[in-house]
Amino acid sequence: MDREMKESDIETKELDKCTQEQKKNMKVKVLFFARARDLAGVSDKVLDIEEGSTTLDCVNKLILQVPSLKAIYDCMAVALNEMYTSDSTIVKDGDELALIPPISGG
């Protein structure tokens, strides 16, 4: 029985490895505007993500990489390929994601 469990564990690990290898890594260009650009310290960045990621996944990964973006997280808009989008939209390789904070001034 103990041997069967070990073989099963090995099969599970191999299956997980195959599944991870099948997931394609993609690149998304992220544009930072106004306050987002100030917080990020750059106007754009290439983000490596896994196939099947959503815009929310991208934003969360960006916040891990650039924690200062938390300051505008609740009030920024997100656009995908120049169209405002929802958090659940799936991104594709080569897409362009824009973080747009609220505009102020007069």
PDB file of N, CA and C in Angstrom:
ATOM      1  N   MET A   1       0.827  -1.199   0.000  1.00  0.00           N
ATOM      2  CA  MET A   1       0.000   0.000   0.000  1.00  0.00           C
ATOM      3  C   MET A   1       0.870   1.261   0.000  1.00  0.00           C
ATOM      4  N   ASP A   2       1.916   1.215   0.808  1.00  0.00           N
ATOM      5  CA  ASP A   2       2.806   2.366   0.886  1.00  0.00           C
ATOM      6  C   ASP A   2       3.456   2.634  -0.465  1.00  0.00           C
ATOM      7  N   ARG A   3       3.821   1.580  -1.165  1.00  0.00           N
ATOM      8  CA  ARG A   3       4.428   1.722  -2.485  1.00  0.00           C
ATOM      9  C   ARG A   3       3.434   2.313  -3.473  1.00  0.00           C
ATOM     10  N   GLU A   4       2.168   1.903  -3.418  1.00  0.00           N
ATOM     11  CA  GLU A   4       1.139   2.431  -4.317  1.00  0.00           C
ATOM     12  C   GLU A   4       0.967   3.933  -4.107  1.00  0.00           C
ATOM     13  N   MET A   5       1.012   4.363  -2.884  1.00  0.00           N
ATOM     14  CA  MET A   5       0.862   5.794  -2.608  1.00  0.00           C
ATOM     15  C   MET A   5       2.022   6.569  -3.212  1.00  0.00           C
ATOM     16  N   LYS A   6       3.206   6.024  -3.131  1.00  0.00           N
ATOM     17  CA  LYS A   6       4.363   6.717  -3.689  1.00  0.00           C
ATOM     18  C   LYS A   6       4.266   6.806  -5.211  1.00  0.00           C
ATOM     19  N   GLU A   7       3.849   5.735  -5.854  1.00  0.00           N
ATOM     20  CA  GLU A   7       3.681   5.756  -7.308  1.00  0.00           C
ATOM     21  C   GLU A   7       2.593   6.747  -7.704  1.00  0.00           C
ATOM     22  N   SER A   8       1.523   6.792  -6.920  1.00  0.00           N
ATOM     23  CA  SER A   8       0.441   7.735  -7.187  1.00  0.00           C
ATOM     24  C   SER A   8       0.929   9.173  -7.057  1.00  0.00           C
ATOM     25  N   ASP A   9       1.727   9.425  -6.023  1.00  0.00           N
ATOM     26  CA  ASP A   9       2.280  10.771  -5.833  1.00  0.00           C
ATOM     27  C   ASP A   9       3.153  11.174  -7.014  1.00  0.00           C
ATOM     28  N   ILE A  10       3.947  10.233  -7.506  1.00  0.00           N
ATOM     29  CA  ILE A  10       4.817  10.512  -8.651  1.00  0.00           C
ATOM     30  C   ILE A  10       3.976  10.827  -9.883  1.00  0.00           C
ATOM     31  N   GLU A  11       2.913  10.048 -10.112  1.00  0.00           N
ATOM     32  CA  GLU A  11       2.036  10.287 -11.257  1.00  0.00           C
ATOM     33  C   GLU A  11       1.390  11.661 -11.165  1.00  0.00           C
ATOM     34  N   THR A  12       0.953  12.034  -9.954  1.00  0.00           N
ATOM     35  CA  THR A  12       0.327  13.341  -9.758  1.00  0.00           C
ATOM     36  C   THR A  12       1.318  14.461 -10.052  1.00  0.00           C
ATOM     37  N   LYS A  13       2.543  14.313  -9.557  1.00  0.00           N
ATOM     38  CA  LYS A  13       3.563  15.335  -9.804  1.00  0.00           C
ATOM     39  C   LYS A  13       3.884  15.451 -11.289  1.00  0.00           C
ATOM     40  N   GLU A  14       3.954  14.326 -11.982  1.00  0.00           N
ATOM     41  CA  GLU A  14       4.226  14.343 -13.422  1.00  0.00           C
ATOM     42  C   GLU A  14       3.082  15.015 -14.181  1.00  0.00           C
ATOM     43  N   LEU A  15       1.839  14.733 -13.766  1.00  0.00           N
ATOM     44  CA  LEU A  15       0.679  15.348 -14.403  1.00  0.00           C
ATOM     45  C   LEU A  15       0.693  16.857 -14.186  1.00  0.00           C
ATOM     46  N   ASP A  16       1.001  17.287 -12.953  1.00  0.00           N
ATOM     47  CA  ASP A  16       1.095  18.712 -12.662  1.00  0.00           C
ATOM     48  C   ASP A  16       2.173  19.368 -13.502  1.00  0.00           C
ATOM     49  N   LYS A  17       3.306  18.703 -13.650  1.00  0.00           N
ATOM     50  CA  LYS A  17       4.416  19.232 -14.445  1.00  0.00           C
ATOM     51  C   LYS A  17       4.004  19.386 -15.902  1.00  0.00           C
ATOM     52  N   CYS A  18       3.306  18.377 -16.453  1.00  0.00           N
ATOM     53  CA  CYS A  18       2.844  18.446 -17.841  1.00  0.00           C
ATOM     54  C   CYS A  18       1.847  19.580 -18.025  1.00  0.00           C
ATOM     55  N   THR A  19       0.946  19.743 -17.063  1.00  0.00           N
ATOM     56  CA  THR A  19      -0.056  20.807 -17.146  1.00  0.00           C
ATOM     57  C   THR A  19       0.617  22.167 -17.123  1.00  0.00           C
ATOM     58  N   GLN A  20       1.604  22.335 -16.257  1.00  0.00           N
ATOM     59  CA  GLN A  20       2.309  23.617 -16.188  1.00  0.00           C
ATOM     60  C   GLN A  20       3.076  23.892 -17.467  1.00  0.00           C
ATOM     61  N   GLU A  21       3.666  22.867 -18.067  1.00  0.00           N
ATOM     62  CA  GLU A  21       4.413  23.053 -19.303  1.00  0.00           C
ATOM     63  C   GLU A  21       3.492  23.424 -20.452  1.00  0.00           C
ATOM     64  N   GLN A  22       2.232  22.957 -20.402  1.00  0.00           N
ATOM     65  CA  GLN A  22       1.281  23.246 -21.463  1.00  0.00           C
ATOM     66  C   GLN A  22       0.790  24.688 -21.392  1.00  0.00           C
ATOM     67  N   LYS A  23       0.811  25.290 -20.209  1.00  0.00           N
ATOM     68  CA  LYS A  23       0.388  26.678 -20.081  1.00  0.00           C
ATOM     69  C   LYS A  23       1.433  27.561 -20.731  1.00  0.00           C
ATOM     70  N   LYS A  24       0.984  28.361 -21.636  1.00  0.00           N
ATOM     71  CA  LYS A  24       1.878  29.227 -22.384  1.00  0.00           C
ATOM     72  C   LYS A  24       2.090  30.534 -21.621  1.00  0.00           C
ATOM     73  N   ASN A  25       3.322  30.973 -21.559  1.00  0.00           N
ATOM     74  CA  ASN A  25       3.592  32.285 -20.997  1.00  0.00           C
ATOM     75  C   ASN A  25       3.380  33.318 -22.083  1.00  0.00           C
ATOM     76  N   MET A  26       2.774  34.423 -21.706  1.00  0.00           N
ATOM     77  CA  MET A  26       2.457  35.476 -22.665  1.00  0.00           C
ATOM     78  C   MET A  26       3.024  36.791 -22.156  1.00  0.00           C
ATOM     79  N   LYS A  27       3.102  37.742 -23.059  1.00  0.00           N
ATOM     80  CA  LYS A  27       3.562  39.087 -22.707  1.00  0.00           C
ATOM     81  C   LYS A  27       2.451  40.093 -23.019  1.00  0.00           C
ATOM     82  N   VAL A  28       2.224  40.967 -22.057  1.00  0.00           N
ATOM     83  CA  VAL A  28       1.239  42.036 -22.199  1.00  0.00           C
ATOM     84  C   VAL A  28       1.962  43.349 -21.922  1.00  0.00           C
ATOM     85  N   LYS A  29       1.747  44.332 -22.773  1.00  0.00           N
ATOM     86  CA  LYS A  29       2.345  45.649 -22.547  1.00  0.00           C
ATOM     87  C   LYS A  29       1.400  46.448 -21.658  1.00  0.00           C
ATOM     88  N   VAL A  30       1.937  46.987 -20.576  1.00  0.00           N
ATOM     89  CA  VAL A  30       1.140  47.784 -19.641  1.00  0.00           C
ATOM     90  C   VAL A  30       1.553  49.239 -19.772  1.00  0.00           C
ATOM     91  N   LEU A  31       0.566  50.098 -19.942  1.00  0.00           N
ATOM     92  CA  LEU A  31       0.786  51.542 -20.026  1.00  0.00           C
ATOM     93  C   LEU A  31       0.310  52.189 -18.735  1.00  0.00           C
ATOM     94  N   PHE A  32       1.103  53.085 -18.194  1.00  0.00           N
ATOM     95  CA  PHE A  32       0.759  53.798 -16.969  1.00  0.00           C
ATOM     96  C   PHE A  32       0.514  55.264 -17.316  1.00  0.00           C
ATOM     97  N   PHE A  33      -0.623  55.796 -16.893  1.00  0.00           N
ATOM     98  CA  PHE A  33      -0.969  57.187 -17.173  1.00  0.00           C
ATOM     99  C   PHE A  33      -1.044  57.993 -15.887  1.00  0.00           C
ATOM    100  N   ALA A  34      -0.687  59.279 -15.977  1.00  0.00           N
ATOM    101  CA  ALA A  34      -0.819  60.266 -14.901  1.00  0.00           C
ATOM    102  C   ALA A  34      -0.236  59.741 -13.593  1.00  0.00           C
ATOM    103  N   ARG A  35      -1.045  59.675 -12.545  1.00  0.00           N
ATOM    104  CA  ARG A  35      -0.578  59.260 -11.212  1.00  0.00           C
ATOM    105  C   ARG A  35      -0.008  57.831 -11.243  1.00  0.00           C
ATOM    106  N   ALA A  36      -0.581  56.949 -12.060  1.00  0.00           N
ATOM    107  CA  ALA A  36      -0.073  55.583 -12.171  1.00  0.00           C
ATOM    108  C   ALA A  36       1.377  55.597 -12.677  1.00  0.00           C
ATOM    109  N   ARG A  37       1.652  56.472 -13.622  1.00  0.00           N
ATOM    110  CA  ARG A  37       3.016  56.606 -14.148  1.00  0.00           C
ATOM    111  C   ARG A  37       3.951  57.118 -13.050  1.00  0.00           C
ATOM    112  N   ASP A  38       3.483  58.089 -12.272  1.00  0.00           N
ATOM    113  CA  ASP A  38       4.298  58.610 -11.167  1.00  0.00           C
ATOM    114  C   ASP A  38       4.608  57.522 -10.142  1.00  0.00           C
ATOM    115  N   LEU A  39       3.608  56.730  -9.804  1.00  0.00           N
ATOM    116  CA  LEU A  39       3.784  55.679  -8.806  1.00  0.00           C
ATOM    117  C   LEU A  39       4.678  54.549  -9.311  1.00  0.00           C
ATOM    118  N   ALA A  40       4.539  54.200 -10.586  1.00  0.00           N
ATOM    119  CA  ALA A  40       5.324  53.101 -11.158  1.00  0.00           C
ATOM    120  C   ALA A  40       6.746  53.537 -11.506  1.00  0.00           C
ATOM    121  N   GLY A  41       6.924  54.820 -11.759  1.00  0.00           N
ATOM    122  CA  GLY A  41       8.242  55.324 -12.120  1.00  0.00           C
ATOM    123  C   GLY A  41       8.615  55.080 -13.573  1.00  0.00           C
ATOM    124  N   VAL A  42       7.671  54.540 -14.344  1.00  0.00           N
ATOM    125  CA  VAL A  42       7.881  54.293 -15.778  1.00  0.00           C
ATOM    126  C   VAL A  42       6.561  54.554 -16.503  1.00  0.00           C
ATOM    127  N   SER A  43       6.637  54.767 -17.801  1.00  0.00           N
ATOM    128  CA  SER A  43       5.410  54.988 -18.565  1.00  0.00           C
ATOM    129  C   SER A  43       4.841  53.697 -19.142  1.00  0.00           C
ATOM    130  N   ASP A  44       5.685  52.670 -19.255  1.00  0.00           N
ATOM    131  CA  ASP A  44       5.186  51.373 -19.726  1.00  0.00           C
ATOM    132  C   ASP A  44       6.084  50.261 -19.220  1.00  0.00           C
ATOM    133  N   LYS A  45       5.563  49.050 -19.317  1.00  0.00           N
ATOM    134  CA  LYS A  45       6.273  47.876 -18.800  1.00  0.00           C
ATOM    135  C   LYS A  45       5.707  46.646 -19.487  1.00  0.00           C
ATOM    136  N   VAL A  46       6.539  45.647 -19.714  1.00  0.00           N
ATOM    137  CA  VAL A  46       6.071  44.373 -20.255  1.00  0.00           C
ATOM    138  C   VAL A  46       5.839  43.426 -19.084  1.00  0.00           C
ATOM    139  N   LEU A  47       4.659  42.848 -19.050  1.00  0.00           N
ATOM    140  CA  LEU A  47       4.270  41.944 -17.968  1.00  0.00           C
ATOM    141  C   LEU A  47       4.179  40.525 -18.516  1.00  0.00           C
ATOM    142  N   ASP A  48       4.887  39.594 -17.892  1.00  0.00           N
ATOM    143  CA  ASP A  48       4.803  38.183 -18.256  1.00  0.00           C
ATOM    144  C   ASP A  48       3.664  37.550 -17.463  1.00  0.00           C
ATOM    145  N   ILE A  49       2.735  36.914 -18.171  1.00  0.00           N
ATOM    146  CA  ILE A  49       1.588  36.290 -17.521  1.00  0.00           C
ATOM    147  C   ILE A  49       1.352  34.911 -18.117  1.00  0.00           C
ATOM    148  N   GLU A  50       0.524  34.128 -17.450  1.00  0.00           N
ATOM    149  CA  GLU A  50       0.168  32.814 -17.951  1.00  0.00           C
ATOM    150  C   GLU A  50      -1.060  32.904 -18.841  1.00  0.00           C
ATOM    151  N   GLU A  51      -1.130  32.020 -19.783  1.00  0.00           N
ATOM    152  CA  GLU A  51      -2.292  31.912 -20.662  1.00  0.00           C
ATOM    153  C   GLU A  51      -3.544  31.746 -19.804  1.00  0.00           C
ATOM    154  N   GLY A  52      -4.606  32.431 -20.184  1.00  0.00           N
ATOM    155  CA  GLY A  52      -5.868  32.347 -19.450  1.00  0.00           C
ATOM    156  C   GLY A  52      -6.010  33.388 -18.354  1.00  0.00           C
ATOM    157  N   SER A  53      -5.017  34.247 -18.194  1.00  0.00           N
ATOM    158  CA  SER A  53      -5.070  35.286 -17.163  1.00  0.00           C
ATOM    159  C   SER A  53      -6.104  36.352 -17.519  1.00  0.00           C
ATOM    160  N   THR A  54      -6.688  36.946 -16.498  1.00  0.00           N
ATOM    161  CA  THR A  54      -7.662  38.025 -16.679  1.00  0.00           C
ATOM    162  C   THR A  54      -6.980  39.371 -16.451  1.00  0.00           C
ATOM    163  N   THR A  55      -7.713  40.430 -16.742  1.00  0.00           N
ATOM    164  CA  THR A  55      -7.168  41.764 -16.472  1.00  0.00           C
ATOM    165  C   THR A  55      -6.914  41.931 -14.976  1.00  0.00           C
ATOM    166  N   LEU A  56      -7.783  41.359 -14.143  1.00  0.00           N
ATOM    167  CA  LEU A  56      -7.582  41.439 -12.693  1.00  0.00           C
ATOM    168  C   LEU A  56      -6.309  40.699 -12.283  1.00  0.00           C
ATOM    169  N   ASP A  57      -6.043  39.546 -12.887  1.00  0.00           N
ATOM    170  CA  ASP A  57      -4.801  38.821 -12.616  1.00  0.00           C
ATOM    171  C   ASP A  57      -3.595  39.703 -12.942  1.00  0.00           C
ATOM    172  N   CYS A  58      -3.669  40.403 -14.060  1.00  0.00           N
ATOM    173  CA  CYS A  58      -2.567  41.287 -14.476  1.00  0.00           C
ATOM    174  C   CYS A  58      -2.377  42.420 -13.471  1.00  0.00           C
ATOM    175  N   VAL A  59      -3.468  43.044 -13.065  1.00  0.00           N
ATOM    176  CA  VAL A  59      -3.382  44.158 -12.114  1.00  0.00           C
ATOM    177  C   VAL A  59      -2.807  43.666 -10.785  1.00  0.00           C
ATOM    178  N   ASN A  60      -3.273  42.511 -10.328  1.00  0.00           N
ATOM    179  CA  ASN A  60      -2.756  41.969  -9.067  1.00  0.00           C
ATOM    180  C   ASN A  60      -1.269  41.661  -9.162  1.00  0.00           C
ATOM    181  N   LYS A  61      -0.828  41.135 -10.287  1.00  0.00           N
ATOM    182  CA  LYS A  61       0.597  40.850 -10.472  1.00  0.00           C
ATOM    183  C   LYS A  61       1.395  42.154 -10.505  1.00  0.00           C
ATOM    184  N   LEU A  62       0.843  43.166 -11.152  1.00  0.00           N
ATOM    185  CA  LEU A  62       1.515  44.471 -11.189  1.00  0.00           C
ATOM    186  C   LEU A  62       1.665  45.049  -9.789  1.00  0.00           C
ATOM    187  N   ILE A  63       0.632  44.913  -8.970  1.00  0.00           N
ATOM    188  CA  ILE A  63       0.689  45.455  -7.613  1.00  0.00           C
ATOM    189  C   ILE A  63       1.732  44.719  -6.775  1.00  0.00           C
ATOM    190  N   LEU A  64       1.907  43.427  -7.037  1.00  0.00           N
ATOM    191  CA  LEU A  64       2.978  42.700  -6.350  1.00  0.00           C
ATOM    192  C   LEU A  64       4.347  43.232  -6.763  1.00  0.00           C
ATOM    193  N   GLN A  65       4.478  43.593  -8.030  1.00  0.00           N
ATOM    194  CA  GLN A  65       5.751  44.096  -8.538  1.00  0.00           C
ATOM    195  C   GLN A  65       5.966  45.572  -8.204  1.00  0.00           C
ATOM    196  N   VAL A  66       4.870  46.337  -8.161  1.00  0.00           N
ATOM    197  CA  VAL A  66       4.943  47.784  -7.892  1.00  0.00           C
ATOM    198  C   VAL A  66       3.917  48.095  -6.793  1.00  0.00           C
ATOM    199  N   PRO A  67       4.260  47.811  -5.533  1.00  0.00           N
ATOM    200  CA  PRO A  67       3.304  47.975  -4.431  1.00  0.00           C
ATOM    201  C   PRO A  67       2.717  49.381  -4.298  1.00  0.00           C
ATOM    202  N   SER A  68       3.414  50.391  -4.771  1.00  0.00           N
ATOM    203  CA  SER A  68       2.906  51.768  -4.657  1.00  0.00           C
ATOM    204  C   SER A  68       1.604  51.962  -5.439  1.00  0.00           C
ATOM    205  N   LEU A  69       1.302  51.078  -6.396  1.00  0.00           N
ATOM    206  CA  LEU A  69       0.058  51.193  -7.162  1.00  0.00           C
ATOM    207  C   LEU A  69      -1.183  50.927  -6.314  1.00  0.00           C
ATOM    208  N   LYS A  70      -0.986  50.357  -5.127  1.00  0.00           N
ATOM    209  CA  LYS A  70      -2.122  50.135  -4.213  1.00  0.00           C
ATOM    210  C   LYS A  70      -2.845  51.445  -3.909  1.00  0.00           C
ATOM    211  N   ALA A  71      -2.117  52.548  -3.954  1.00  0.00           N
ATOM    212  CA  ALA A  71      -2.688  53.862  -3.628  1.00  0.00           C
ATOM    213  C   ALA A  71      -3.841  54.239  -4.549  1.00  0.00           C
ATOM    214  N   ILE A  72      -3.851  53.726  -5.774  1.00  0.00           N
ATOM    215  CA  ILE A  72      -4.915  54.079  -6.725  1.00  0.00           C
ATOM    216  C   ILE A  72      -5.760  52.875  -7.139  1.00  0.00           C
ATOM    217  N   TYR A  73      -5.522  51.739  -6.528  1.00  0.00           N
ATOM    218  CA  TYR A  73      -6.194  50.496  -6.922  1.00  0.00           C
ATOM    219  C   TYR A  73      -7.719  50.628  -6.954  1.00  0.00           C
ATOM    220  N   ASP A  74      -8.291  51.239  -5.932  1.00  0.00           N
ATOM    221  CA  ASP A  74      -9.758  51.316  -5.826  1.00  0.00           C
ATOM    222  C   ASP A  74     -10.408  52.325  -6.765  1.00  0.00           C
ATOM    223  N   CYS A  75      -9.626  53.210  -7.345  1.00  0.00           N
ATOM    224  CA  CYS A  75     -10.242  54.258  -8.151  1.00  0.00           C
ATOM    225  C   CYS A  75      -9.757  54.310  -9.600  1.00  0.00           C
ATOM    226  N   MET A  76      -8.888  53.400  -9.999  1.00  0.00           N
ATOM    227  CA  MET A  76      -8.385  53.461 -11.372  1.00  0.00           C
ATOM    228  C   MET A  76      -9.260  52.653 -12.325  1.00  0.00           C
ATOM    229  N   ALA A  77      -9.242  53.075 -13.567  1.00  0.00           N
ATOM    230  CA  ALA A  77      -9.929  52.339 -14.626  1.00  0.00           C
ATOM    231  C   ALA A  77      -8.878  51.523 -15.379  1.00  0.00           C
ATOM    232  N   VAL A  78      -9.336  50.441 -15.993  1.00  0.00           N
ATOM    233  CA  VAL A  78      -8.438  49.586 -16.769  1.00  0.00           C
ATOM    234  C   VAL A  78      -8.971  49.487 -18.189  1.00  0.00           C
ATOM    235  N   ALA A  79      -8.101  49.689 -19.158  1.00  0.00           N
ATOM    236  CA  ALA A  79      -8.472  49.551 -20.564  1.00  0.00           C
ATOM    237  C   ALA A  79      -7.623  48.441 -21.182  1.00  0.00           C
ATOM    238  N   LEU A  80      -8.235  47.670 -22.041  1.00  0.00           N
ATOM    239  CA  LEU A  80      -7.539  46.613 -22.761  1.00  0.00           C
ATOM    240  C   LEU A  80      -7.665  46.915 -24.240  1.00  0.00           C
ATOM    241  N   ASN A  81      -6.538  47.120 -24.887  1.00  0.00           N
ATOM    242  CA  ASN A  81      -6.504  47.462 -26.310  1.00  0.00           C
ATOM    243  C   ASN A  81      -7.397  48.671 -26.618  1.00  0.00           C
ATOM    244  N   GLU A  82      -7.222  49.708 -25.784  1.00  0.00           N
ATOM    245  CA  GLU A  82      -7.879  51.012 -25.939  1.00  0.00           C
ATOM    246  C   GLU A  82      -9.389  50.994 -25.705  1.00  0.00           C
ATOM    247  N   MET A  83      -9.888  49.965 -25.015  1.00  0.00           N
ATOM    248  CA  MET A  83     -11.313  49.881 -24.664  1.00  0.00           C
ATOM    249  C   MET A  83     -11.412  49.586 -23.170  1.00  0.00           C
ATOM    250  N   TYR A  84     -12.251  50.356 -22.458  1.00  0.00           N
ATOM    251  CA  TYR A  84     -12.449  50.054 -21.046  1.00  0.00           C
ATOM    252  C   TYR A  84     -12.954  48.624 -20.921  1.00  0.00           C
ATOM    253  N   THR A  85     -12.531  47.947 -19.857  1.00  0.00           N
ATOM    254  CA  THR A  85     -12.828  46.522 -19.729  1.00  0.00           C
ATOM    255  C   THR A  85     -13.174  46.163 -18.291  1.00  0.00           C
ATOM    256  N   SER A  86     -13.640  44.947 -18.099  1.00  0.00           N
ATOM    257  CA  SER A  86     -13.960  44.451 -16.760  1.00  0.00           C
ATOM    258  C   SER A  86     -12.806  43.619 -16.225  1.00  0.00           C
ATOM    259  N   ASP A  87     -12.865  43.321 -14.940  1.00  0.00           N
ATOM    260  CA  ASP A  87     -11.807  42.536 -14.299  1.00  0.00           C
ATOM    261  C   ASP A  87     -11.706  41.119 -14.843  1.00  0.00           C
ATOM    262  N   SER A  88     -12.800  40.596 -15.375  1.00  0.00           N
ATOM    263  CA  SER A  88     -12.831  39.188 -15.780  1.00  0.00           C
ATOM    264  C   SER A  88     -12.455  38.947 -17.246  1.00  0.00           C
ATOM    265  N   THR A  89     -12.099  39.989 -17.970  1.00  0.00           N
ATOM    266  CA  THR A  89     -11.729  39.837 -19.377  1.00  0.00           C
ATOM    267  C   THR A  89     -10.402  39.089 -19.490  1.00  0.00           C
ATOM    268  N   ILE A  90     -10.378  38.077 -20.340  1.00  0.00           N
ATOM    269  CA  ILE A  90      -9.161  37.291 -20.575  1.00  0.00           C
ATOM    270  C   ILE A  90      -8.236  38.081 -21.503  1.00  0.00           C
ATOM    271  N   VAL A  91      -6.976  38.175 -21.122  1.00  0.00           N
ATOM    272  CA  VAL A  91      -5.996  38.864 -21.962  1.00  0.00           C
ATOM    273  C   VAL A  91      -5.281  37.860 -22.853  1.00  0.00           C
ATOM    274  N   LYS A  92      -4.778  38.371 -23.964  1.00  0.00           N
ATOM    275  CA  LYS A  92      -4.081  37.526 -24.939  1.00  0.00           C
ATOM    276  C   LYS A  92      -2.662  38.034 -25.126  1.00  0.00           C
ATOM    277  N   ASP A  93      -1.836  37.176 -25.650  1.00  0.00           N
ATOM    278  CA  ASP A  93      -0.451  37.530 -25.916  1.00  0.00           C
ATOM    279  C   ASP A  93      -0.397  38.757 -26.824  1.00  0.00           C
ATOM    280  N   GLY A  94       0.381  39.757 -26.425  1.00  0.00           N
ATOM    281  CA  GLY A  94       0.538  40.959 -27.231  1.00  0.00           C
ATOM    282  C   GLY A  94      -0.484  42.043 -26.952  1.00  0.00           C
ATOM    283  N   ASP A  95      -1.441  41.784 -26.062  1.00  0.00           N
ATOM    284  CA  ASP A  95      -2.434  42.809 -25.723  1.00  0.00           C
ATOM    285  C   ASP A  95      -1.768  43.995 -25.028  1.00  0.00           C
ATOM    286  N   GLU A  96      -2.495  45.102 -24.996  1.00  0.00           N
ATOM    287  CA  GLU A  96      -2.025  46.313 -24.335  1.00  0.00           C
ATOM    288  C   GLU A  96      -3.014  46.673 -23.236  1.00  0.00           C
ATOM    289  N   LEU A  97      -2.528  46.739 -22.020  1.00  0.00           N
ATOM    290  CA  LEU A  97      -3.340  47.034 -20.851  1.00  0.00           C
ATOM    291  C   LEU A  97      -2.958  48.420 -20.347  1.00  0.00           C
ATOM    292  N   ALA A  98      -3.933  49.264 -20.088  1.00  0.00           N
ATOM    293  CA  ALA A  98      -3.650  50.619 -19.604  1.00  0.00           C
ATOM    294  C   ALA A  98      -4.278  50.835 -18.242  1.00  0.00           C
ATOM    295  N   LEU A  99      -3.506  51.399 -17.329  1.00  0.00           N
ATOM    296  CA  LEU A  99      -4.003  51.768 -16.005  1.00  0.00           C
ATOM    297  C   LEU A  99      -4.248  53.264 -16.019  1.00  0.00           C
ATOM    298  N   ILE A 100      -5.512  53.628 -15.780  1.00  0.00           N
ATOM    299  CA  ILE A 100      -5.920  55.032 -15.906  1.00  0.00           C
ATOM    300  C   ILE A 100      -6.510  55.502 -14.584  1.00  0.00           C
ATOM    301  N   PRO A 101      -5.752  56.301 -13.838  1.00  0.00           N
ATOM    302  CA  PRO A 101      -6.275  56.836 -12.583  1.00  0.00           C
ATOM    303  C   PRO A 101      -7.262  57.959 -12.856  1.00  0.00           C
ATOM    304  N   PRO A 102      -8.025  58.346 -11.845  1.00  0.00           N
ATOM    305  CA  PRO A 102      -8.947  59.477 -12.045  1.00  0.00           C
ATOM    306  C   PRO A 102      -8.173  60.741 -12.404  1.00  0.00           C
ATOM    307  N   ILE A 103      -8.748  61.526 -13.259  1.00  0.00           N
ATOM    308  CA  ILE A 103      -8.115  62.780 -13.695  1.00  0.00           C
ATOM    309  C   ILE A 103      -8.669  63.919 -12.833  1.00  0.00           C
ATOM    310  N   SER A 104      -7.789  64.779 -12.380  1.00  0.00           N
ATOM    311  CA  SER A 104      -8.234  65.937 -11.621  1.00  0.00           C
ATOM    312  C   SER A 104      -7.617  67.191 -12.206  1.00  0.00           C
ATOM    313  N   GLY A 105      -8.125  68.281 -11.828  1.00  0.00           N
ATOM    314  CA  GLY A 105      -7.595  69.540 -12.324  1.00  0.00           C
ATOM    315  C   GLY A 105      -8.719  70.484 -12.686  1.00  0.00           C
ATOM    316  N   GLY A 106      -8.352  71.555 -13.305  1.00  0.00           N
ATOM    317  CA  GLY A 106      -9.416  72.510 -13.603  1.00  0.00           C
ATOM    318  C   GLY A 106      -9.070  73.412 -14.739  1.00  0.00           C
TER     319      GLY A 106
END
